[in-house]
Protein backbone atom coordinates (compact mmCIF):
# COMPACT_ATOMS: atom_id res chain seq x y z
CA MET A 1 0.13 0.37 -0.09
CA VAL A 2 0.80 3.49 -0.80
CA VAL A 3 -0.81 5.43 2.51
CA LYS A 4 1.87 3.71 4.94
CA PRO A 5 4.93 5.12 3.66
CA LEU A 6 2.87 8.41 2.73
CA TYR A 7 2.20 8.70 5.91
CA TYR A 8 5.29 8.80 7.56
CA LEU A 9 7.13 10.50 4.86
CA VAL A 10 4.77 13.41 5.69
CA ASN A 11 5.27 13.84 9.43
CA THR A 12 9.13 13.26 8.39
CA LEU A 13 8.73 16.01 6.21
CA ALA A 14 7.06 18.44 8.74
CA ILE A 15 10.29 17.82 10.99
CA ILE A 16 13.16 18.32 9.33
CA GLY A 17 12.02 21.54 6.38
CA THR A 18 14.34 23.25 8.54
CA ILE A 19 17.30 21.31 7.67
CA THR A 20 17.10 22.18 3.51
CA GLY A 21 16.56 25.53 3.96
CA THR A 22 12.96 25.67 3.40
CA THR A 23 11.25 28.87 4.10
CA ILE A 24 7.95 30.16 5.25
CA ASN A 25 6.85 33.45 4.10
CA ARG A 26 5.71 34.79 7.56
CA ALA A 27 5.20 38.46 6.43
CA SER A 28 4.01 40.67 3.63
CA GLY A 29 4.48 44.02 2.61
CA ASN A 30 7.69 45.85 2.63
CA LYS A 31 7.55 47.62 6.43
CA ALA A 32 7.14 43.34 7.67
CA SER A 33 9.13 42.60 5.87
CA GLU A 34 11.77 44.44 7.21
CA LYS A 35 10.61 44.25 10.35
CA TRP A 36 10.56 40.72 9.63
CA LYS A 37 14.34 40.32 8.94
CA GLY A 38 15.90 42.79 12.08
CA PHE A 39 14.21 40.15 14.29
CA GLU A 40 15.97 37.44 11.82
CA MET A 41 19.26 39.16 12.56
CA ALA A 42 18.70 39.33 15.92
CA LYS A 43 18.10 36.41 16.17
CA LYS A 44 21.07 34.97 14.43
CA LYS A 45 23.87 34.49 16.86
CA GLU A 46 20.95 32.80 19.23
CA ASN A 47 19.97 30.67 16.33
CA ARG A 48 23.62 29.63 15.60
CA ARG A 49 23.95 25.59 15.22
CA THR A 50 24.74 23.67 18.48
CA TYR A 51 28.27 22.48 17.00
CA GLN A 52 29.16 25.93 16.80
CA LYS A 53 27.94 26.69 20.04
CA ILE A 54 30.20 24.43 21.44
CA ALA A 55 32.92 25.60 19.67
CA ASP A 56 33.06 28.74 21.21
CA LEU A 57 32.39 26.94 24.55
CA LEU A 58 35.30 25.11 23.81
CA LEU A 59 37.51 28.39 22.92
CA GLU A 60 36.55 30.04 25.95
CA MET A 61 37.72 26.95 28.14
CA ILE A 62 41.38 27.16 26.55
CA GLU A 63 41.80 30.60 27.34
CA LYS A 64 40.20 30.59 30.53
CA ASP A 65 41.54 27.32 32.52
CA GLY A 66 45.07 28.29 30.55
CA TYR A 67 45.56 25.69 28.31
CA GLU A 68 48.57 26.43 26.20
CA ILE A 69 49.81 25.51 22.77
CA GLY A 70 50.51 21.68 22.50
CA ALA A 71 48.29 21.33 25.55
CA ARG A 72 45.96 17.92 25.36
CA LEU A 73 42.50 18.86 25.62
CA PRO A 74 39.68 16.40 28.32
CA ALA A 75 38.91 13.71 27.34
CA GLU A 76 35.77 13.59 24.46
CA ARG A 77 33.19 11.97 27.00
CA ASP A 78 34.56 14.76 30.07
CA LEU A 79 33.23 17.33 27.47
CA ALA A 80 30.29 16.13 26.54
CA GLU A 81 29.74 15.99 30.41
CA ARG A 82 31.08 19.28 30.80
CA PHE A 83 28.51 21.07 28.12
CA GLY A 84 25.84 18.45 28.23
CA VAL A 85 25.59 16.94 25.18
CA SER A 86 26.17 14.40 22.85
CA ARG A 87 29.95 13.26 22.06
CA PRO A 88 28.76 13.56 18.27
CA THR A 89 28.33 17.40 18.96
CA ILE A 90 31.76 17.98 20.58
CA ARG A 91 33.12 15.93 17.53
CA GLU A 92 31.64 18.51 14.86
CA ALA A 93 32.64 21.51 17.20
CA VAL A 94 36.18 19.50 16.96
CA ILE A 95 36.35 19.61 13.59
CA ALA A 96 34.70 23.42 13.37
CA LEU A 97 37.85 24.20 15.60
CA GLU A 98 40.32 22.14 13.20
CA ILE A 99 39.13 23.90 10.07
CA ALA A 100 39.90 27.39 11.54
CA LYS A 101 43.21 26.10 12.68
CA ARG A 102 42.89 26.56 16.37
CA ILE A 103 43.21 22.94 17.18
CA GLU A 104 44.81 19.84 15.70
CA VAL A 105 43.43 16.05 16.04
CA LYS A 106 45.29 13.48 16.10
CA LYS A 107 44.27 10.28 15.90
CA GLY A 108 44.37 7.59 18.59
CA SER A 109 45.75 10.12 20.58
CA GLY A 110 43.54 13.03 21.19
CA VAL A 111 42.85 16.93 20.50
CA TYR A 112 45.90 19.43 20.85
CA VAL A 113 45.74 23.40 20.88
CA LEU A 114 47.44 24.97 18.16
CA GLY A 115 47.15 28.77 19.38
CA PRO A 116 44.72 30.93 21.63
CA ASN A 117 41.61 32.53 20.60
CA LYS A 118 43.51 35.98 20.11
CA ASP A 119 40.45 38.07 17.91
CA GLY A 120 37.57 36.72 20.33
CA SER A 121 35.59 35.77 17.17
CA MET A 122 33.32 33.35 17.14
CA THR A 123 33.61 30.13 14.66
CA PRO A 124 32.60 30.23 11.28
CA GLU A 125 29.32 28.91 10.00
CA LEU A 126 30.06 25.69 8.88
CA ASP A 127 26.76 24.55 7.61
CA ILE A 128 24.93 21.68 8.80
CA GLY A 129 26.94 19.17 10.75
CA PRO A 130 27.36 15.41 9.01
CA PHE A 131 25.84 13.26 11.69
CA GLU A 132 22.18 15.31 11.64
CA LEU A 133 23.03 15.22 8.15
CA THR A 134 23.25 11.87 7.65
CA GLU A 135 20.55 11.17 10.35
CA ALA A 136 18.16 13.33 8.39
CA ARG A 137 18.93 11.54 5.43
CA ALA A 138 17.99 8.11 6.78
CA LEU A 139 14.64 9.59 7.65
CA VAL A 140 13.71 11.07 4.48
CA GLU A 141 15.42 8.76 2.09
CA GLY A 142 13.93 5.57 4.28
CA GLU A 143 10.65 6.09 3.81
CA ALA A 144 11.53 7.27 0.05
CA ALA A 145 12.67 3.72 -0.24
CA ALA A 146 9.50 2.32 1.23
CA LEU A 147 7.18 4.93 -0.92
CA ALA A 148 9.80 3.86 -4.52
CA ALA A 149 9.35 0.53 -3.94
CA THR A 150 5.26 0.73 -4.73
CA LEU A 151 5.71 3.26 -7.52
CA ILE A 152 9.15 2.04 -8.98
CA SER A 153 9.36 1.37 -13.32
CA ASP A 154 11.07 -1.26 -14.70
CA GLU A 155 13.32 1.05 -16.49
CA GLU A 156 14.52 2.71 -13.17
CA ILE A 157 15.49 -0.41 -11.61
CA GLU A 158 17.40 -1.19 -14.45
CA GLN A 159 19.26 2.60 -13.88
CA LEU A 160 19.99 1.48 -10.17
CA LYS A 161 22.10 -1.47 -11.73
CA THR A 162 23.58 0.54 -14.25
CA ALA A 163 24.68 2.46 -11.06
CA ILE A 164 25.68 0.30 -8.69
CA GLU A 165 27.78 -1.19 -11.42
CA GLU A 166 29.55 2.00 -12.23
CA MET A 167 30.33 2.05 -8.42
CA SER A 168 31.62 -1.07 -8.78
CA SER A 169 33.71 -0.96 -11.44
CA GLU A 170 35.41 3.27 -10.73
CA GLY A 171 34.82 2.30 -7.11
CA GLU A 172 32.42 4.48 -4.76
CA LEU A 173 35.12 6.63 -3.41
CA THR A 174 36.21 8.10 -6.72
CA VAL A 175 34.95 11.37 -8.23
CA ILE A 176 32.88 8.87 -10.46
CA GLY A 177 31.73 6.14 -7.99
CA GLU A 178 30.51 9.22 -5.92
CA GLU A 179 28.12 10.87 -8.47
CA ALA A 180 27.07 6.99 -9.14
CA ASP A 181 26.21 6.82 -5.92
CA ARG A 182 24.08 10.15 -5.65
CA ARG A 183 22.21 8.84 -9.03
CA PHE A 184 21.32 5.86 -7.15
CA HIS A 185 20.00 7.83 -3.85
CA GLN A 186 18.41 10.61 -6.94
CA ILE A 187 16.50 7.60 -9.23
CA ILE A 188 14.73 6.06 -6.16
CA ALA A 189 13.87 9.43 -4.48
CA ARG A 190 12.17 10.37 -8.04
CA ALA A 191 10.47 7.21 -8.54
CA THR A 192 8.62 8.13 -5.83
CA ARG A 193 6.36 10.64 -8.26
CA ASN A 194 6.85 13.21 -6.18
CA ASP A 195 8.45 16.36 -6.96
CA ALA A 196 9.27 18.27 -3.16
CA ILE A 197 10.98 13.95 -1.93
CA SER A 198 12.98 14.38 -4.78
CA ALA A 199 13.89 17.93 -4.51
CA ILE A 200 14.49 17.05 -0.60
CA VAL A 201 16.68 14.23 -1.41
CA ASN A 202 18.17 16.22 -3.67
CA ASN A 203 19.14 19.65 -1.45
CA LEU A 204 20.31 16.86 1.18
CA TRP A 205 23.14 15.72 -1.16
CA GLU A 206 23.78 19.36 -2.00
CA ILE A 207 24.64 20.26 1.93
CA ARG A 208 26.51 17.12 1.91
CA GLN A 209 28.58 18.35 -1.10
CA SER A 210 29.21 22.06 0.09
CA SER A 211 29.25 22.12 3.45
CA LYS A 212 33.07 22.21 5.11
CA ILE A 213 32.63 20.82 8.55
CA THR A 214 30.66 17.35 6.37
CA SER A 215 33.07 16.98 3.55
CA ARG A 216 36.15 17.32 6.11
CA THR A 217 33.96 14.53 8.00
CA TYR A 218 33.90 12.04 4.72
CA GLN A 219 37.93 12.78 4.43
CA LYS A 220 38.59 11.65 7.40
CA ALA A 221 36.20 8.97 6.98
CA ARG A 222 38.08 8.06 3.45
CA GLY A 223 41.49 8.24 5.02
CA TYR A 224 40.64 6.02 7.26
CA GLY A 225 39.17 3.48 5.74
CA LEU A 226 35.28 3.83 4.89
CA LYS A 227 34.83 1.13 2.97
CA ASP A 228 32.52 1.08 -0.49
CA ARG A 229 28.52 -0.25 0.23
CA GLN A 230 27.95 -1.66 -2.88
CA ASP A 231 26.26 -4.78 -1.12
CA GLU A 232 24.08 -2.58 0.84
CA HIS A 233 23.13 -0.64 -2.35
CA ARG A 234 22.44 -4.25 -3.72
CA THR A 235 20.69 -4.89 -0.66
CA ILE A 236 18.34 -1.79 -1.44
CA LEU A 237 17.95 -2.89 -4.90
CA MET A 238 16.43 -6.28 -4.19
CA ALA A 239 14.00 -4.45 -1.93
CA LEU A 240 12.77 -2.55 -4.72
CA GLU A 241 12.53 -5.17 -7.24
CA ALA A 242 10.33 -6.88 -4.95
CA ARG A 243 8.11 -4.28 -4.30
CA ASP A 244 8.72 -4.62 -0.75
CA PRO A 245 8.45 -1.32 0.59
CA GLN A 246 8.84 -2.33 4.43
CA ALA A 247 12.26 -3.86 3.44
CA ALA A 248 13.46 -1.10 1.10
CA ARG A 249 12.65 0.67 4.22
CA ARG A 250 14.73 -0.65 6.42
CA ALA A 251 17.44 -1.43 3.86
CA MET A 252 17.76 2.44 3.00
CA ARG A 253 18.32 3.20 6.58
CA ALA A 254 20.36 0.41 7.69
CA HIS A 255 23.02 1.68 4.88
CA LEU A 256 22.51 5.11 6.17
CA MET A 257 23.22 3.88 9.57
CA ASN A 258 26.38 2.20 8.72
CA VAL A 259 27.45 5.61 7.20
CA ILE A 260 26.94 7.21 10.52
CA ASP A 261 28.90 4.10 12.08
CA ALA A 262 31.96 4.84 9.80
CA LEU A 263 31.96 8.49 10.28
CA LEU A 264 31.84 7.83 14.53
CA ILE A 265 34.96 5.52 13.87
CA ALA A 266 36.80 8.24 11.68
CA THR A 267 35.96 10.94 13.91
CA GLU A 268 37.30 9.14 17.18
CA THR A 269 40.41 10.72 19.22
CA ASP A 270 41.00 9.16 22.18
CA ALA A 271 42.61 6.18 23.27
CA VAL A 272 41.70 3.34 20.72
CA THR A 273 39.89 1.21 23.83
CA GLN A 274 38.19 4.10 25.30
CA ALA A 275 37.19 5.59 21.72
CA ARG A 276 35.30 2.05 20.92
CA GLU A 277 33.39 2.15 24.44
CA ARG A 278 32.29 5.77 23.60
CA SER A 279 31.43 5.02 20.06
CA SER A 280 29.80 1.89 20.96
CA LEU A 281 27.35 4.48 23.28
CA ASP A 282 26.90 7.02 20.46
CA ARG A 283 25.51 4.97 18.29
CA THR A 284 22.44 3.89 20.71
CA ARG A 285 20.89 7.37 19.30
CA PHE A 286 21.32 7.43 16.04
CA THR A 287 20.47 3.54 15.70
CA SER A 288 17.72 3.50 17.92
CA MET A 289 16.21 5.14 14.40
CA ASN A 290 16.25 1.96 13.19
CA LYS A 291 13.62 0.55 15.20
CA ILE A 292 10.98 3.42 14.32
CA ILE A 293 8.28 1.66 12.09
């Protein structure tokens, strides 16, 4: 049936609308628009993304607690407890500061101070972080796959097979392979016969490719052995070919949850045994989404 995938998809789209940059015209007329614009500017700092706020707090901690150049910051778990956020948020904040060249991340060792925050400026706008982005993709693309399973054509099934063949022959982590990966997911989105869904999936991919913090995280993942995932794509294809919505949803979510798992491993910074312990706990939140039906 189409009804159930559509029901969940409508709820999903309502939740993630702001993630994809969707805006609502809240005021009409020049005077009202100017008033709203002023309000948004006043709220800009307050509405900064969580990882950016944490990055600023980390800079304050470095200054106030007297961390010198070369000093090692506290363990990720301790920072998460100190600031009351999840460990993935700490990782995104650390990557933001690494991009800003305020800290250095040494795999298996920790995070070290490169220099003080001399100008007191906030961390730069780096767009949505990789963990939230991939979680949103799992929600949206999981339901899109379920809906597509009821509507996909034989021609689109063949197009998916071609995309997988390109990923296999070129390597999913190459430029051509990544383009084939994106095309695979976009074909499924188009198969929903819903232009809004297709646009949202495309927008999420645009964010992945344009966001500095997300690009940096994927770069780290490749450096630490992010593997090709053609088998997972084949599992998605099999579910779509069988016109099985539930199997398609499960396969797509499992695929993207595995991507999150790989990103968590790639961004571990503490000693290996401690990092694995923490990562196991961190995955609880993200993998719990697989329980949503």
